[in-house]
Amino acid sequence: MERTITKRDGTVEPFDINKIKLAIYESFNSIKERCNAKMIDEIIANMDFSAVVSVEDVQNQIEHALMKL
């Protein structure tokens, strides 16, 4: 079964880890902080994707992963 994610507008689309990586990069960039692939991989490694079903879940997972670093 293909993993999906529910977006904020209620639409459902296939789960794409690259979109999450890009969002992390862009959030660092928006506050003028440096971010490289290793940092993003560390954040991703601290996330639990079995619990991800919505964009809000992804956001919460990223926040928890950042606290662990």
PDB file of N, CA and C in Angstrom:
ATOM      1  N   MET A   1       0.843  -1.182   0.000  1.00  0.00           N
ATOM      2  CA  MET A   1       0.000   0.000   0.000  1.00  0.00           C
ATOM      3  C   MET A   1       0.886   1.243   0.000  1.00  0.00           C
ATOM      4  N   GLU A   2       0.567   2.176  -0.855  1.00  0.00           N
ATOM      5  CA  GLU A   2       1.346   3.404  -0.974  1.00  0.00           C
ATOM      6  C   GLU A   2       1.027   4.332   0.196  1.00  0.00           C
ATOM      7  N   ARG A   3       2.089   4.877   0.793  1.00  0.00           N
ATOM      8  CA  ARG A   3       1.912   5.825   1.893  1.00  0.00           C
ATOM      9  C   ARG A   3       1.440   7.157   1.327  1.00  0.00           C
ATOM     10  N   THR A   4       0.461   7.763   2.003  1.00  0.00           N
ATOM     11  CA  THR A   4      -0.071   9.053   1.559  1.00  0.00           C
ATOM     12  C   THR A   4       0.007  10.057   2.703  1.00  0.00           C
ATOM     13  N   ILE A   5      -0.193  11.310   2.361  1.00  0.00           N
ATOM     14  CA  ILE A   5      -0.196  12.392   3.339  1.00  0.00           C
ATOM     15  C   ILE A   5      -1.369  13.310   3.027  1.00  0.00           C
ATOM     16  N   THR A   6      -2.027  13.773   4.082  1.00  0.00           N
ATOM     17  CA  THR A   6      -3.149  14.692   3.925  1.00  0.00           C
ATOM     18  C   THR A   6      -2.620  16.111   4.073  1.00  0.00           C
ATOM     19  N   LYS A   7      -2.861  16.913   3.044  1.00  0.00           N
ATOM     20  CA  LYS A   7      -2.396  18.296   3.050  1.00  0.00           C
ATOM     21  C   LYS A   7      -3.348  19.167   3.856  1.00  0.00           C
ATOM     22  N   ARG A   8      -2.932  20.396   4.114  1.00  0.00           N
ATOM     23  CA  ARG A   8      -3.733  21.319   4.936  1.00  0.00           C
ATOM     24  C   ARG A   8      -5.113  21.589   4.328  1.00  0.00           C
ATOM     25  N   ASP A   9      -5.207  21.544   3.005  1.00  0.00           N
ATOM     26  CA  ASP A   9      -6.503  21.799   2.364  1.00  0.00           C
ATOM     27  C   ASP A   9      -7.380  20.553   2.287  1.00  0.00           C
ATOM     28  N   GLY A  10      -6.914  19.446   2.865  1.00  0.00           N
ATOM     29  CA  GLY A  10      -7.688  18.219   2.905  1.00  0.00           C
ATOM     30  C   GLY A  10      -7.416  17.253   1.772  1.00  0.00           C
ATOM     31  N   THR A  11      -6.658  17.686   0.769  1.00  0.00           N
ATOM     32  CA  THR A  11      -6.343  16.773  -0.329  1.00  0.00           C
ATOM     33  C   THR A  11      -5.310  15.749   0.132  1.00  0.00           C
ATOM     34  N   VAL A  12      -5.321  14.610  -0.515  1.00  0.00           N
ATOM     35  CA  VAL A  12      -4.411  13.516  -0.183  1.00  0.00           C
ATOM     36  C   VAL A  12      -3.504  13.283  -1.381  1.00  0.00           C
ATOM     37  N   GLU A  13      -2.203  13.124  -1.099  1.00  0.00           N
ATOM     38  CA  GLU A  13      -1.259  12.847  -2.175  1.00  0.00           C
ATOM     39  C   GLU A  13      -0.212  11.855  -1.686  1.00  0.00           C
ATOM     40  N   PRO A  14       0.534  11.268  -2.607  1.00  0.00           N
ATOM     41  CA  PRO A  14       1.574  10.317  -2.208  1.00  0.00           C
ATOM     42  C   PRO A  14       2.619  10.993  -1.307  1.00  0.00           C
ATOM     43  N   PHE A  15       3.096  10.253  -0.316  1.00  0.00           N
ATOM     44  CA  PHE A  15       4.126  10.733   0.594  1.00  0.00           C
ATOM     45  C   PHE A  15       5.433  10.864  -0.183  1.00  0.00           C
ATOM     46  N   ASP A  16       6.097  12.021  -0.065  1.00  0.00           N
ATOM     47  CA  ASP A  16       7.347  12.281  -0.791  1.00  0.00           C
ATOM     48  C   ASP A  16       8.364  12.876   0.181  1.00  0.00           C
ATOM     49  N   ILE A  17       9.339  12.078   0.586  1.00  0.00           N
ATOM     50  CA  ILE A  17      10.355  12.518   1.546  1.00  0.00           C
ATOM     51  C   ILE A  17      11.137  13.722   1.020  1.00  0.00           C
ATOM     52  N   ASN A  18      11.279  13.838  -0.285  1.00  0.00           N
ATOM     53  CA  ASN A  18      12.015  14.971  -0.848  1.00  0.00           C
ATOM     54  C   ASN A  18      11.309  16.298  -0.594  1.00  0.00           C
ATOM     55  N   LYS A  19       9.982  16.281  -0.552  1.00  0.00           N
ATOM     56  CA  LYS A  19       9.245  17.505  -0.234  1.00  0.00           C
ATOM     57  C   LYS A  19       9.502  17.920   1.216  1.00  0.00           C
ATOM     58  N   ILE A  20       9.620  16.947   2.091  1.00  0.00           N
ATOM     59  CA  ILE A  20       9.910  17.240   3.493  1.00  0.00           C
ATOM     60  C   ILE A  20      11.315  17.805   3.631  1.00  0.00           C
ATOM     61  N   LYS A  21      12.260  17.205   2.935  1.00  0.00           N
ATOM     62  CA  LYS A  21      13.640  17.710   2.970  1.00  0.00           C
ATOM     63  C   LYS A  21      13.710  19.141   2.446  1.00  0.00           C
ATOM     64  N   LEU A  22      12.999  19.418   1.368  1.00  0.00           N
ATOM     65  CA  LEU A  22      12.985  20.764   0.803  1.00  0.00           C
ATOM     66  C   LEU A  22      12.354  21.759   1.775  1.00  0.00           C
ATOM     67  N   ALA A  23      11.286  21.360   2.435  1.00  0.00           N
ATOM     68  CA  ALA A  23      10.623  22.246   3.403  1.00  0.00           C
ATOM     69  C   ALA A  23      11.555  22.564   4.575  1.00  0.00           C
ATOM     70  N   ILE A  24      12.317  21.579   5.037  1.00  0.00           N
ATOM     71  CA  ILE A  24      13.282  21.816   6.114  1.00  0.00           C
ATOM     72  C   ILE A  24      14.344  22.797   5.647  1.00  0.00           C
ATOM     73  N   TYR A  25      14.871  22.562   4.461  1.00  0.00           N
ATOM     74  CA  TYR A  25      15.893  23.460   3.916  1.00  0.00           C
ATOM     75  C   TYR A  25      15.356  24.885   3.792  1.00  0.00           C
ATOM     76  N   GLU A  26      14.162  25.019   3.245  1.00  0.00           N
ATOM     77  CA  GLU A  26      13.580  26.349   3.043  1.00  0.00           C
ATOM     78  C   GLU A  26      13.290  27.051   4.367  1.00  0.00           C
ATOM     79  N   SER A  27      12.917  26.290   5.388  1.00  0.00           N
ATOM     80  CA  SER A  27      12.654  26.928   6.684  1.00  0.00           C
ATOM     81  C   SER A  27      13.943  27.461   7.298  1.00  0.00           C
ATOM     82  N   PHE A  28      15.033  26.725   7.183  1.00  0.00           N
ATOM     83  CA  PHE A  28      16.323  27.238   7.648  1.00  0.00           C
ATOM     84  C   PHE A  28      16.713  28.477   6.847  1.00  0.00           C
ATOM     85  N   ASN A  29      16.545  28.402   5.550  1.00  0.00           N
ATOM     86  CA  ASN A  29      16.901  29.505   4.667  1.00  0.00           C
ATOM     87  C   ASN A  29      16.082  30.763   4.978  1.00  0.00           C
ATOM     88  N   SER A  30      14.826  30.595   5.349  1.00  0.00           N
ATOM     89  CA  SER A  30      13.954  31.742   5.610  1.00  0.00           C
ATOM     90  C   SER A  30      14.399  32.551   6.827  1.00  0.00           C
ATOM     91  N   ILE A  31      15.130  31.902   7.739  1.00  0.00           N
ATOM     92  CA  ILE A  31      15.626  32.622   8.911  1.00  0.00           C
ATOM     93  C   ILE A  31      17.137  32.872   8.815  1.00  0.00           C
ATOM     94  N   LYS A  32      17.636  32.728   7.594  1.00  0.00           N
ATOM     95  CA  LYS A  32      19.052  33.014   7.300  1.00  0.00           C
ATOM     96  C   LYS A  32      20.020  32.122   8.073  1.00  0.00           C
ATOM     97  N   GLU A  33      19.606  30.876   8.337  1.00  0.00           N
ATOM     98  CA  GLU A  33      20.465  29.898   9.002  1.00  0.00           C
ATOM     99  C   GLU A  33      21.003  28.928   7.960  1.00  0.00           C
ATOM    100  N   ARG A  34      22.244  28.535   8.143  1.00  0.00           N
ATOM    101  CA  ARG A  34      22.845  27.558   7.228  1.00  0.00           C
ATOM    102  C   ARG A  34      22.288  26.169   7.504  1.00  0.00           C
ATOM    103  N   CYS A  35      22.105  25.433   6.435  1.00  0.00           N
ATOM    104  CA  CYS A  35      21.598  24.075   6.532  1.00  0.00           C
ATOM    105  C   CYS A  35      22.184  23.266   5.387  1.00  0.00           C
ATOM    106  N   ASN A  36      22.728  22.095   5.709  1.00  0.00           N
ATOM    107  CA  ASN A  36      23.281  21.255   4.645  1.00  0.00           C
ATOM    108  C   ASN A  36      22.593  19.883   4.658  1.00  0.00           C
ATOM    109  N   ALA A  37      22.957  19.057   3.708  1.00  0.00           N
ATOM    110  CA  ALA A  37      22.307  17.749   3.560  1.00  0.00           C
ATOM    111  C   ALA A  37      22.494  16.890   4.802  1.00  0.00           C
ATOM    112  N   LYS A  38      23.645  16.985   5.451  1.00  0.00           N
ATOM    113  CA  LYS A  38      23.895  16.191   6.655  1.00  0.00           C
ATOM    114  C   LYS A  38      22.934  16.596   7.769  1.00  0.00           C
ATOM    115  N   MET A  39      22.722  17.886   7.945  1.00  0.00           N
ATOM    116  CA  MET A  39      21.788  18.356   8.971  1.00  0.00           C
ATOM    117  C   MET A  39      20.373  17.870   8.680  1.00  0.00           C
ATOM    118  N   ILE A  40      19.974  17.965   7.431  1.00  0.00           N
ATOM    119  CA  ILE A  40      18.631  17.515   7.048  1.00  0.00           C
ATOM    120  C   ILE A  40      18.495  16.020   7.294  1.00  0.00           C
ATOM    121  N   ASP A  41      19.519  15.254   6.939  1.00  0.00           N
ATOM    122  CA  ASP A  41      19.476  13.808   7.170  1.00  0.00           C
ATOM    123  C   ASP A  41      19.381  13.481   8.657  1.00  0.00           C
ATOM    124  N   GLU A  42      20.053  14.262   9.510  1.00  0.00           N
ATOM    125  CA  GLU A  42      19.961  14.047  10.960  1.00  0.00           C
ATOM    126  C   GLU A  42      18.551  14.326  11.464  1.00  0.00           C
ATOM    127  N   ILE A  43      17.934  15.376  10.945  1.00  0.00           N
ATOM    128  CA  ILE A  43      16.557  15.695  11.336  1.00  0.00           C
ATOM    129  C   ILE A  43      15.626  14.569  10.902  1.00  0.00           C
ATOM    130  N   ILE A  44      15.764  14.137   9.659  1.00  0.00           N
ATOM    131  CA  ILE A  44      14.929  13.058   9.114  1.00  0.00           C
ATOM    132  C   ILE A  44      15.120  11.778   9.921  1.00  0.00           C
ATOM    133  N   ALA A  45      16.360  11.485  10.315  1.00  0.00           N
ATOM    134  CA  ALA A  45      16.649  10.270  11.084  1.00  0.00           C
ATOM    135  C   ALA A  45      15.954  10.268  12.438  1.00  0.00           C
ATOM    136  N   ASN A  46      15.642  11.430  12.967  1.00  0.00           N
ATOM    137  CA  ASN A  46      14.977  11.534  14.263  1.00  0.00           C
ATOM    138  C   ASN A  46      13.458  11.626  14.147  1.00  0.00           C
ATOM    139  N   MET A  47      12.941  11.394  12.966  1.00  0.00           N
ATOM    140  CA  MET A  47      11.498  11.457  12.756  1.00  0.00           C
ATOM    141  C   MET A  47      10.908  10.051  12.710  1.00  0.00           C
ATOM    142  N   ASP A  48       9.664   9.927  13.120  1.00  0.00           N
ATOM    143  CA  ASP A  48       8.946   8.658  13.108  1.00  0.00           C
ATOM    144  C   ASP A  48       7.855   8.735  12.042  1.00  0.00           C
ATOM    145  N   PHE A  49       8.159   8.230  10.867  1.00  0.00           N
ATOM    146  CA  PHE A  49       7.218   8.355   9.753  1.00  0.00           C
ATOM    147  C   PHE A  49       6.044   7.394   9.842  1.00  0.00           C
ATOM    148  N   SER A  50       6.106   6.441  10.758  1.00  0.00           N
ATOM    149  CA  SER A  50       4.953   5.547  10.915  1.00  0.00           C
ATOM    150  C   SER A  50       3.760   6.305  11.483  1.00  0.00           C
ATOM    151  N   ALA A  51       4.025   7.437  12.155  1.00  0.00           N
ATOM    152  CA  ALA A  51       2.952   8.226  12.757  1.00  0.00           C
ATOM    153  C   ALA A  51       2.477   9.366  11.862  1.00  0.00           C
ATOM    154  N   VAL A  52       3.094   9.521  10.713  1.00  0.00           N
ATOM    155  CA  VAL A  52       2.775  10.656   9.844  1.00  0.00           C
ATOM    156  C   VAL A  52       1.566  10.342   8.973  1.00  0.00           C
ATOM    157  N   VAL A  53       0.548  11.188   9.077  1.00  0.00           N
ATOM    158  CA  VAL A  53      -0.620  11.052   8.205  1.00  0.00           C
ATOM    159  C   VAL A  53      -1.044  12.393   7.628  1.00  0.00           C
ATOM    160  N   SER A  54      -0.537  13.494   8.207  1.00  0.00           N
ATOM    161  CA  SER A  54      -0.913  14.814   7.711  1.00  0.00           C
ATOM    162  C   SER A  54       0.288  15.750   7.740  1.00  0.00           C
ATOM    163  N   VAL A  55       0.146  16.866   7.075  1.00  0.00           N
ATOM    164  CA  VAL A  55       1.204  17.871   7.063  1.00  0.00           C
ATOM    165  C   VAL A  55       1.477  18.350   8.492  1.00  0.00           C
ATOM    166  N   GLU A  56       0.432  18.477   9.291  1.00  0.00           N
ATOM    167  CA  GLU A  56       0.608  18.891  10.681  1.00  0.00           C
ATOM    168  C   GLU A  56       1.444  17.878  11.454  1.00  0.00           C
ATOM    169  N   ASP A  57       1.230  16.584  11.171  1.00  0.00           N
ATOM    170  CA  ASP A  57       2.032  15.540  11.806  1.00  0.00           C
ATOM    171  C   ASP A  57       3.503  15.675  11.431  1.00  0.00           C
ATOM    172  N   VAL A  58       3.757  15.965  10.157  1.00  0.00           N
ATOM    173  CA  VAL A  58       5.140  16.168   9.703  1.00  0.00           C
ATOM    174  C   VAL A  58       5.751  17.350  10.444  1.00  0.00           C
ATOM    175  N   GLN A  59       5.016  18.436  10.538  1.00  0.00           N
ATOM    176  CA  GLN A  59       5.512  19.622  11.237  1.00  0.00           C
ATOM    177  C   GLN A  59       5.846  19.283  12.689  1.00  0.00           C
ATOM    178  N   ASN A  60       4.976  18.564  13.367  1.00  0.00           N
ATOM    179  CA  ASN A  60       5.235  18.172  14.749  1.00  0.00           C
ATOM    180  C   ASN A  60       6.461  17.277  14.859  1.00  0.00           C
ATOM    181  N   GLN A  61       6.601  16.347  13.927  1.00  0.00           N
ATOM    182  CA  GLN A  61       7.757  15.449  13.936  1.00  0.00           C
ATOM    183  C   GLN A  61       9.052  16.226  13.742  1.00  0.00           C
ATOM    184  N   ILE A  62       9.045  17.222  12.846  1.00  0.00           N
ATOM    185  CA  ILE A  62      10.242  18.040  12.618  1.00  0.00           C
ATOM    186  C   ILE A  62      10.591  18.805  13.882  1.00  0.00           C
ATOM    187  N   GLU A  63       9.596  19.376  14.543  1.00  0.00           N
ATOM    188  CA  GLU A  63       9.852  20.105  15.777  1.00  0.00           C
ATOM    189  C   GLU A  63      10.477  19.195  16.832  1.00  0.00           C
ATOM    190  N   HIS A  64       9.953  17.986  17.000  1.00  0.00           N
ATOM    191  CA  HIS A  64      10.503  17.046  17.971  1.00  0.00           C
ATOM    192  C   HIS A  64      11.920  16.610  17.580  1.00  0.00           C
ATOM    193  N   ALA A  65      12.147  16.401  16.287  1.00  0.00           N
ATOM    194  CA  ALA A  65      13.475  16.004  15.814  1.00  0.00           C
ATOM    195  C   ALA A  65      14.497  17.104  16.076  1.00  0.00           C
ATOM    196  N   LEU A  66      14.095  18.358  15.872  1.00  0.00           N
ATOM    197  CA  LEU A  66      15.008  19.481  16.136  1.00  0.00           C
ATOM    198  C   LEU A  66      15.357  19.587  17.608  1.00  0.00           C
ATOM    199  N   MET A  67      14.409  19.286  18.475  1.00  0.00           N
ATOM    200  CA  MET A  67      14.678  19.335  19.906  1.00  0.00           C
ATOM    201  C   MET A  67      15.684  18.272  20.334  1.00  0.00           C
ATOM    202  N   LYS A  68      15.745  17.177  19.585  1.00  0.00           N
ATOM    203  CA  LYS A  68      16.679  16.090  19.910  1.00  0.00           C
ATOM    204  C   LYS A  68      18.107  16.388  19.489  1.00  0.00           C
ATOM    205  N   LEU A  69      18.280  17.341  18.582  1.00  0.00           N
ATOM    206  CA  LEU A  69      19.622  17.645  18.080  1.00  0.00           C
ATOM    207  C   LEU A  69      20.406  18.515  19.044  1.00  0.00           C
TER     208      LEU A  69
END
